[in-house]
Amino acid sequence: MNGSVRVGHVLGVPLRMHWSVPVLVALLAYGLGRQTLPAWTPGHSSATYAAASVIGAVLLMGSLLLHEAAHAVAARSKGVSVQDVTLWALGGMTQMGRPRTAGVALLVAISGPITSLVIGGVALGAGLGARGLIGWGVVAALLVWLGWANLLLGVFNLLPAAPLDGGRVVQAVMWWRTGDRDRAERAAGRSGQIFGLAMIAFGWVSFIRGATGGLWFALIGLFMVIVANAERQRATINEALRGVRVSDAMSHPVAAGADWLSVDRFIDEVAGPARHTVLPVIDFEGRPSGVVSLRGLAAVPPESREGRRVRDVATPVSRCTLAVPGDLLNEVMERGARPGAAMPILVVDHGHLEGIVTAHDVTRLFQQHALGMTAAPPKPSAL
């Protein structure tokens, strides 16, 4: 996610934090320390409320992290790749590959809400136990608040609308019953769009009536609509590309330049005549060593282009998406969804560059599918 930074690892998975997380912690702490705790346990000092509210907000973010970590653990235990876990103002997101079976998809989806419900039950029980031992004080109130917050989080995430976990559960069940994964994803995305629009309307009406929290509901609803729409589009594209091989989609022949050329020579001899905006580069042995974009070349100051090699501004092949001509395009694009990898796909056969698959190539195939056409023979295309 844009605006997030890597802050460490959780269970071996990179953990990223969005800039909005400190803002969320501050808002939670403010509401807890200025409203909830004073109302539940009056008579304590401002310093006590402030300290307890910060602890409570941090514990809640820790609960969100455990929710997402549960998804990651369940996915990795079933062989699903997990790229990272990101915390942000509306909760958390776990970036992972697509599960291979409906059963795996169901397990991954349900693991997060179950974790939140367990944390909520434990915290609520601890709060009630503390009340019985030491009376109704700040500690007991904080634990009860944390428990109810996690129970609410778990129940809300079980609502049957993507991208909530409940939407993933519905998707997995539909996939299992129909055998059509893309149809199940479209249905879950549609429910997410409808539910998101309903949340936007509810939040806006609540805000007009004086409830400032309505804006939060509207923001969550907007996020749901955007993500659900993207997932529906992805499912539609996956259906259009089902069974298509990389060789059916790739552009070839394609201009490729030597990575030892200076930037100015590469611009004159390769980039200038080329039709693509991202170009492969090859090493001394003729093997692809990466890709370079016209934007990256333009970022090199003119006075530095003669003495700088194009390999210095290229994206190395280790960060590119590679495929062989016989690979299924859907599977290759799924691999390319990992952070740092993007279009074009470099098509390599026995170490030699055969062609590339650009975003334009994928769009052309999708449009052909919409017209009821089969994949056209590969031909040069623009990016």
Protein backbone atom coordinates (compact mmCIF):
# COMPACT_ATOMS: atom_id res chain seq x y z
CA MET A 1 0.00 0.00 0.00
CA ASN A 2 1.27 3.47 -0.87
CA GLY A 3 2.32 5.47 2.18
CA SER A 4 3.34 2.44 4.23
CA VAL A 5 6.81 1.58 5.53
CA ARG A 6 8.33 -1.71 6.55
CA VAL A 7 8.72 -1.91 10.33
CA GLY A 8 9.73 -5.53 10.89
CA HIS A 9 8.40 -9.07 10.63
CA VAL A 10 5.52 -10.97 12.18
CA LEU A 11 5.89 -14.76 12.13
CA GLY A 12 8.40 -14.45 9.30
CA VAL A 13 6.14 -12.23 7.18
CA PRO A 14 7.16 -8.61 6.44
CA LEU A 15 5.11 -6.17 8.52
CA ARG A 16 4.29 -2.77 7.05
CA MET A 17 2.66 0.18 8.77
CA HIS A 18 0.72 2.93 7.02
CA TRP A 19 1.19 6.52 8.10
CA SER A 20 -2.46 6.55 9.24
CA VAL A 21 -1.80 4.06 12.09
CA PRO A 22 -0.38 6.64 14.54
CA VAL A 23 -3.37 8.85 13.71
CA LEU A 24 -5.75 5.98 14.49
CA VAL A 25 -3.94 5.24 17.77
CA ALA A 26 -4.22 8.91 18.75
CA LEU A 27 -7.94 9.02 17.92
CA LEU A 28 -8.64 5.80 19.82
CA ALA A 29 -6.65 7.00 22.81
CA TYR A 30 -8.42 10.36 22.80
CA GLY A 31 -11.89 8.83 22.73
CA LEU A 32 -11.01 6.23 25.35
CA GLY A 33 -9.28 8.65 27.70
CA ARG A 34 -11.65 11.62 27.37
CA GLN A 35 -15.00 9.86 27.06
CA THR A 36 -15.24 6.10 27.65
CA LEU A 37 -13.08 5.56 30.74
CA PRO A 38 -14.21 8.71 32.60
CA ALA A 39 -17.83 7.71 31.96
CA TRP A 40 -17.32 4.11 33.06
CA THR A 41 -14.96 4.74 36.00
CA PRO A 42 -15.24 8.36 37.20
CA GLY A 43 -13.03 9.88 39.86
CA HIS A 44 -9.54 9.11 38.57
CA SER A 45 -6.83 11.55 37.55
CA SER A 46 -6.28 12.73 34.01
CA ALA A 47 -2.85 11.07 33.98
CA THR A 48 -4.43 7.70 34.85
CA TYR A 49 -6.96 8.01 32.03
CA ALA A 50 -4.26 9.13 29.58
CA ALA A 51 -1.94 6.23 30.38
CA ALA A 52 -4.76 3.67 30.27
CA SER A 53 -6.09 5.04 26.98
CA VAL A 54 -2.71 4.78 25.25
CA ILE A 55 -2.27 1.22 26.52
CA GLY A 56 -5.78 0.34 25.34
CA ALA A 57 -5.24 1.79 21.86
CA VAL A 58 -1.93 -0.06 21.47
CA LEU A 59 -3.51 -3.32 22.66
CA LEU A 60 -6.31 -2.94 20.12
CA MET A 61 -3.79 -2.42 17.31
CA GLY A 62 -2.00 -5.50 18.59
CA SER A 63 -5.29 -7.37 18.33
CA LEU A 64 -5.65 -6.25 14.71
CA LEU A 65 -2.14 -7.49 14.05
CA LEU A 66 -2.97 -10.90 15.52
CA HIS A 67 -6.11 -11.01 13.34
CA GLU A 68 -4.03 -10.50 10.21
CA ALA A 69 -1.26 -12.81 11.45
CA ALA A 70 -3.86 -15.57 11.76
CA HIS A 71 -4.67 -15.16 8.05
CA ALA A 72 -0.97 -15.31 7.21
CA VAL A 73 -0.32 -18.42 9.32
CA ALA A 74 -3.35 -20.25 7.88
CA ALA A 75 -2.32 -19.33 4.33
CA ARG A 76 1.32 -20.38 4.71
CA SER A 77 0.34 -23.65 6.39
CA LYS A 78 -1.55 -24.55 3.21
CA GLY A 79 1.17 -23.50 0.79
CA VAL A 80 -0.27 -20.08 -0.13
CA SER A 81 2.39 -17.41 -0.55
CA VAL A 82 2.15 -14.41 1.77
CA GLN A 83 3.87 -11.20 0.70
CA ASP A 84 3.25 -8.91 3.67
CA VAL A 85 0.89 -7.72 6.39
CA THR A 86 -0.05 -4.03 6.45
CA LEU A 87 -1.74 -2.14 9.28
CA TRP A 88 -3.61 1.05 8.44
CA ALA A 89 -6.42 3.27 9.68
CA LEU A 90 -9.23 0.93 8.62
CA GLY A 91 -7.68 -2.20 10.10
CA GLY A 92 -5.25 -4.51 8.35
CA MET A 93 -4.59 -6.23 5.05
CA THR A 94 -2.71 -9.44 4.29
CA GLN A 95 -1.26 -9.56 0.78
CA MET A 96 -1.20 -13.18 -0.36
CA GLY A 97 -1.56 -15.44 -3.36
CA ARG A 98 -4.80 -17.08 -4.41
CA PRO A 99 -5.72 -20.30 -2.54
CA ARG A 100 -5.81 -23.36 -4.78
CA THR A 101 -8.95 -24.94 -3.33
CA ALA A 102 -12.22 -23.75 -1.80
CA GLY A 103 -11.36 -25.51 1.46
CA VAL A 104 -8.10 -23.59 1.80
CA ALA A 105 -9.88 -20.32 0.94
CA LEU A 106 -12.44 -21.01 3.68
CA LEU A 107 -9.78 -21.81 6.27
CA VAL A 108 -7.80 -18.65 5.49
CA ALA A 109 -10.93 -16.47 5.57
CA ILE A 110 -12.32 -17.77 8.85
CA SER A 111 -9.02 -17.74 10.77
CA GLY A 112 -9.00 -13.96 11.29
CA PRO A 113 -12.52 -13.53 12.75
CA ILE A 114 -12.07 -16.59 14.97
CA THR A 115 -8.88 -15.04 16.36
CA SER A 116 -10.66 -11.75 17.07
CA LEU A 117 -13.56 -13.55 18.77
CA VAL A 118 -11.17 -15.58 20.94
CA ILE A 119 -9.21 -12.46 21.92
CA GLY A 120 -12.48 -10.67 22.66
CA GLY A 121 -13.76 -13.52 24.82
CA VAL A 122 -10.49 -13.77 26.76
CA ALA A 123 -10.25 -10.01 27.32
CA LEU A 124 -13.90 -9.74 28.35
CA GLY A 125 -13.54 -12.67 30.74
CA ALA A 126 -10.37 -11.15 32.19
CA GLY A 127 -12.14 -7.83 32.67
CA LEU A 128 -15.06 -9.42 34.48
CA GLY A 129 -12.63 -11.46 36.56
CA ALA A 130 -10.67 -8.34 37.49
CA ARG A 131 -13.92 -6.67 38.50
CA GLY A 132 -14.67 -9.53 40.87
CA LEU A 133 -11.18 -9.45 42.40
CA ILE A 134 -10.30 -5.76 42.63
CA GLY A 135 -13.60 -4.05 41.88
CA TRP A 136 -14.77 -2.00 38.93
CA GLY A 137 -11.73 0.14 38.16
CA VAL A 138 -9.71 1.37 35.22
CA VAL A 139 -8.01 -2.01 34.63
CA ALA A 140 -11.29 -3.92 34.54
CA ALA A 141 -12.95 -1.28 32.33
CA LEU A 142 -10.02 -1.28 29.90
CA LEU A 143 -10.14 -5.07 29.54
CA VAL A 144 -13.92 -5.04 29.03
CA TRP A 145 -13.57 -2.33 26.39
CA LEU A 146 -10.84 -4.32 24.61
CA GLY A 147 -12.99 -7.45 24.76
CA TRP A 148 -16.08 -5.80 23.29
CA ALA A 149 -13.99 -4.08 20.59
CA ASN A 150 -12.57 -7.43 19.45
CA LEU A 151 -15.94 -9.14 19.56
CA LEU A 152 -17.36 -6.34 17.43
CA LEU A 153 -14.41 -6.63 15.05
CA GLY A 154 -14.92 -10.38 14.70
CA VAL A 155 -18.67 -10.12 14.11
CA PHE A 156 -18.32 -7.22 11.67
CA ASN A 157 -15.73 -9.12 9.65
CA LEU A 158 -18.12 -12.06 9.31
CA LEU A 159 -20.66 -9.98 7.39
CA PRO A 160 -21.14 -11.61 3.94
CA ALA A 161 -19.56 -8.91 1.80
CA ALA A 162 -16.10 -8.75 0.21
CA PRO A 163 -13.48 -7.63 1.13
CA LEU A 164 -14.63 -8.56 4.64
CA ASP A 165 -13.75 -12.06 5.78
CA GLY A 166 -17.41 -13.03 5.69
CA GLY A 167 -17.41 -12.23 1.98
CA ARG A 168 -14.43 -14.56 1.56
CA VAL A 169 -16.37 -17.27 3.39
CA VAL A 170 -19.35 -16.85 1.05
CA GLN A 171 -16.97 -16.90 -1.91
CA ALA A 172 -15.34 -20.13 -0.73
CA VAL A 173 -18.71 -21.82 -0.19
CA MET A 174 -19.99 -20.74 -3.63
CA TRP A 175 -16.73 -21.91 -5.21
CA TRP A 176 -17.12 -25.31 -3.53
CA ARG A 177 -20.77 -25.68 -4.61
CA THR A 178 -20.46 -24.40 -8.18
CA GLY A 179 -16.85 -25.25 -9.00
CA ASP A 180 -16.53 -21.80 -10.62
CA ARG A 181 -14.07 -19.67 -8.71
CA ASP A 182 -14.45 -16.56 -10.86
CA ARG A 183 -18.23 -16.59 -10.56
CA ALA A 184 -17.91 -16.87 -6.78
CA GLU A 185 -15.48 -13.92 -6.70
CA ARG A 186 -17.82 -11.78 -8.80
CA ALA A 187 -20.75 -12.58 -6.51
CA ALA A 188 -18.73 -11.73 -3.38
CA GLY A 189 -17.54 -8.51 -5.01
CA ARG A 190 -21.10 -7.55 -5.91
CA SER A 191 -22.26 -8.08 -2.31
CA GLY A 192 -19.34 -5.95 -1.13
CA GLN A 193 -20.33 -3.12 -3.44
CA ILE A 194 -23.96 -3.21 -2.25
CA PHE A 195 -23.00 -3.39 1.43
CA GLY A 196 -20.42 -0.64 0.99
CA LEU A 197 -22.96 1.68 -0.60
CA ALA A 198 -25.35 0.97 2.25
CA MET A 199 -22.63 1.88 4.78
CA ILE A 200 -21.88 5.11 2.92
CA ALA A 201 -25.56 6.08 3.01
CA PHE A 202 -25.92 5.14 6.68
CA GLY A 203 -22.76 6.99 7.64
CA TRP A 204 -23.72 10.12 5.74
CA VAL A 205 -27.24 10.22 7.23
CA SER A 206 -25.78 9.68 10.70
CA PHE A 207 -23.32 12.53 10.18
CA ILE A 208 -26.09 14.89 9.02
CA ARG A 209 -28.02 14.04 12.17
CA GLY A 210 -25.03 15.01 14.31
CA ALA A 211 -23.14 11.74 14.81
CA THR A 212 -19.56 12.50 13.77
CA GLY A 213 -18.78 8.77 13.82
CA GLY A 214 -20.92 8.50 10.71
CA LEU A 215 -17.99 9.76 8.65
CA TRP A 216 -15.99 6.72 9.78
CA PHE A 217 -18.75 4.40 8.57
CA ALA A 218 -18.89 6.23 5.27
CA LEU A 219 -15.12 5.97 4.85
CA ILE A 220 -15.17 2.21 5.53
CA GLY A 221 -18.04 1.85 3.06
CA LEU A 222 -16.11 3.75 0.38
CA PHE A 223 -13.10 1.51 0.89
CA MET A 224 -15.31 -1.57 0.56
CA VAL A 225 -16.84 -0.33 -2.68
CA ILE A 226 -13.43 0.40 -4.22
CA VAL A 227 -11.87 -2.94 -3.24
CA ALA A 228 -14.97 -4.97 -4.12
CA ASN A 229 -15.11 -3.34 -7.54
CA ALA A 230 -11.42 -4.13 -8.13
CA GLU A 231 -12.00 -7.76 -7.15
CA ARG A 232 -14.94 -8.09 -9.52
CA GLN A 233 -12.82 -6.71 -12.34
CA ARG A 234 -10.01 -9.11 -11.49
CA ALA A 235 -12.41 -12.06 -11.57
CA THR A 236 -13.74 -10.93 -14.95
CA ILE A 237 -10.21 -10.67 -16.35
CA ASN A 238 -9.28 -14.07 -14.93
CA GLU A 239 -12.28 -15.60 -16.66
CA ALA A 240 -11.35 -13.96 -19.96
CA LEU A 241 -7.77 -15.23 -19.73
CA ARG A 242 -8.65 -18.74 -18.59
CA GLY A 243 -6.61 -21.27 -20.57
CA VAL A 244 -4.58 -18.62 -22.42
CA ARG A 245 -0.87 -19.39 -22.71
CA VAL A 246 1.84 -16.77 -22.46
CA SER A 247 2.85 -17.50 -26.06
CA ASP A 248 -0.67 -16.50 -27.20
CA ALA A 249 -0.37 -13.10 -25.58
CA MET A 250 3.24 -12.02 -25.90
CA SER A 251 4.55 -9.28 -28.17
CA HIS A 252 7.39 -10.44 -30.39
CA PRO A 253 9.78 -9.60 -31.77
CA VAL A 254 10.61 -6.96 -29.19
CA ALA A 255 13.39 -4.38 -29.05
CA ALA A 256 16.02 -5.22 -26.45
CA GLY A 257 19.25 -3.38 -25.76
CA ALA A 258 22.58 -4.27 -24.22
CA ASP A 259 22.76 -3.37 -20.55
CA TRP A 260 26.38 -2.20 -20.85
CA LEU A 261 25.43 0.65 -23.21
CA SER A 262 25.55 4.18 -21.90
CA VAL A 263 22.17 5.78 -21.29
CA ASP A 264 22.56 8.22 -24.19
CA ARG A 265 23.48 5.43 -26.66
CA PHE A 266 20.59 3.30 -25.43
CA ILE A 267 18.18 6.18 -25.97
CA ASP A 268 19.46 6.81 -29.50
CA GLU A 269 19.85 3.21 -30.66
CA VAL A 270 17.13 1.31 -28.77
CA ALA A 271 14.57 3.45 -26.98
CA GLY A 272 14.07 5.94 -29.79
CA PRO A 273 12.93 3.48 -32.48
CA ALA A 274 11.08 1.19 -30.01
CA ARG A 275 7.30 1.07 -29.65
CA HIS A 276 7.24 0.11 -25.98
CA THR A 277 7.64 2.31 -22.93
CA VAL A 278 9.34 -0.46 -20.94
CA LEU A 279 12.20 -2.29 -22.66
CA PRO A 280 14.16 -5.46 -21.83
CA VAL A 281 17.92 -5.27 -21.45
CA ILE A 282 20.33 -8.15 -22.01
CA ASP A 283 23.80 -8.99 -20.73
CA PHE A 284 26.98 -10.00 -22.59
CA GLU A 285 25.70 -13.56 -23.01
CA GLY A 286 22.39 -12.45 -24.51
CA ARG A 287 20.33 -13.30 -21.44
CA PRO A 288 17.75 -10.85 -20.09
CA SER A 289 19.15 -8.91 -17.14
CA GLY A 290 16.15 -6.68 -16.42
CA VAL A 291 13.91 -3.96 -17.84
CA VAL A 292 14.24 -0.21 -18.14
CA SER A 293 11.44 2.32 -18.60
CA LEU A 294 11.47 5.47 -20.66
CA ARG A 295 10.57 7.34 -17.49
CA GLY A 296 13.64 5.94 -15.77
CA LEU A 297 15.86 6.95 -18.68
CA ALA A 298 14.37 10.46 -18.72
CA ALA A 299 15.13 10.82 -15.00
CA VAL A 300 18.87 10.64 -15.70
CA PRO A 301 20.21 14.21 -16.11
CA PRO A 302 21.42 14.85 -19.70
CA GLU A 303 24.92 15.69 -18.50
CA SER A 304 25.18 12.25 -16.79
CA ARG A 305 23.86 10.06 -19.58
CA GLU A 306 27.13 9.54 -21.41
CA GLY A 307 28.97 8.16 -18.40
CA ARG A 308 26.16 6.08 -16.89
CA ARG A 309 25.32 2.52 -17.94
CA VAL A 310 21.74 1.59 -18.62
CA ARG A 311 22.04 -1.34 -16.18
CA ASP A 312 22.40 1.25 -13.40
CA VAL A 313 18.88 2.59 -13.99
CA ALA A 314 17.21 -0.70 -14.97
CA THR A 315 15.05 -2.91 -12.77
CA PRO A 316 17.10 -6.12 -12.25
CA VAL A 317 15.72 -9.39 -13.52
CA SER A 318 15.39 -10.66 -9.94
CA ARG A 319 12.53 -8.18 -9.49
CA CYS A 320 10.86 -8.94 -12.82
CA THR A 321 8.13 -11.42 -13.64
CA LEU A 322 9.48 -14.24 -15.79
CA ALA A 323 7.61 -16.89 -17.77
CA VAL A 324 8.17 -19.52 -20.42
CA PRO A 325 5.96 -19.56 -23.54
CA GLY A 326 3.86 -22.52 -22.36
CA ASP A 327 2.92 -21.06 -18.95
CA LEU A 328 -0.71 -20.15 -18.26
CA LEU A 329 -1.03 -16.38 -18.35
CA ASN A 330 -3.36 -16.29 -15.31
CA GLU A 331 -0.82 -18.05 -13.12
CA VAL A 332 2.04 -15.85 -14.28
CA MET A 333 0.06 -12.68 -13.60
CA GLU A 334 -0.73 -13.96 -10.13
CA ARG A 335 2.99 -14.37 -9.46
CA GLY A 336 3.54 -10.87 -10.80
CA ALA A 337 1.12 -9.43 -8.24
CA ARG A 338 3.85 -9.55 -5.57
CA PRO A 339 5.39 -6.23 -4.48
CA GLY A 340 8.14 -5.04 -6.78
CA ALA A 341 7.03 -7.12 -9.77
CA ALA A 342 4.86 -5.73 -12.53
CA MET A 343 4.35 -5.57 -16.27
CA PRO A 344 5.88 -6.37 -18.61
CA ILE A 345 6.28 -10.11 -18.22
CA LEU A 346 9.58 -11.29 -19.70
CA VAL A 347 9.08 -14.46 -21.76
CA VAL A 348 12.28 -16.51 -21.64
CA ASP A 349 13.02 -19.89 -23.22
CA HIS A 350 16.30 -21.65 -22.39
CA GLY A 351 17.82 -18.37 -21.24
CA HIS A 352 16.89 -16.41 -24.37
CA LEU A 353 14.32 -13.63 -24.55
CA GLU A 354 11.37 -14.69 -26.71
CA GLY A 355 9.09 -11.71 -26.13
CA ILE A 356 7.20 -9.70 -23.51
CA VAL A 357 3.62 -9.48 -22.32
CA THR A 358 2.51 -5.91 -21.76
CA ALA A 359 -0.59 -4.41 -20.17
CA HIS A 360 -1.76 -3.59 -23.69
CA ASP A 361 -1.51 -7.26 -24.66
CA VAL A 362 -3.67 -8.29 -21.70
CA THR A 363 -6.22 -5.57 -22.49
CA ARG A 364 -6.41 -6.75 -26.10
CA LEU A 365 -7.15 -10.32 -25.02
CA PHE A 366 -9.80 -9.12 -22.59
CA GLN A 367 -11.51 -7.07 -25.29
CA GLN A 368 -11.39 -10.01 -27.69
CA HIS A 369 -13.08 -12.17 -25.06
CA ALA A 370 -15.82 -9.55 -24.63
CA LEU A 371 -16.41 -9.72 -28.41
CA GLY A 372 -16.54 -13.52 -28.36
CA MET A 373 -13.24 -13.83 -30.22
CA THR A 374 -10.46 -16.30 -29.55
CA ALA A 375 -6.92 -15.18 -28.88
CA ALA A 376 -5.36 -13.63 -31.97
CA PRO A 377 -1.93 -14.67 -33.16
CA PRO A 378 0.79 -12.81 -31.24
CA LYS A 379 1.93 -9.60 -32.80
CA PRO A 380 3.82 -6.46 -31.80
CA SER A 381 1.90 -4.13 -29.54
CA ALA A 382 2.40 -0.89 -27.64
CA LEU A 383 2.57 -0.73 -23.87
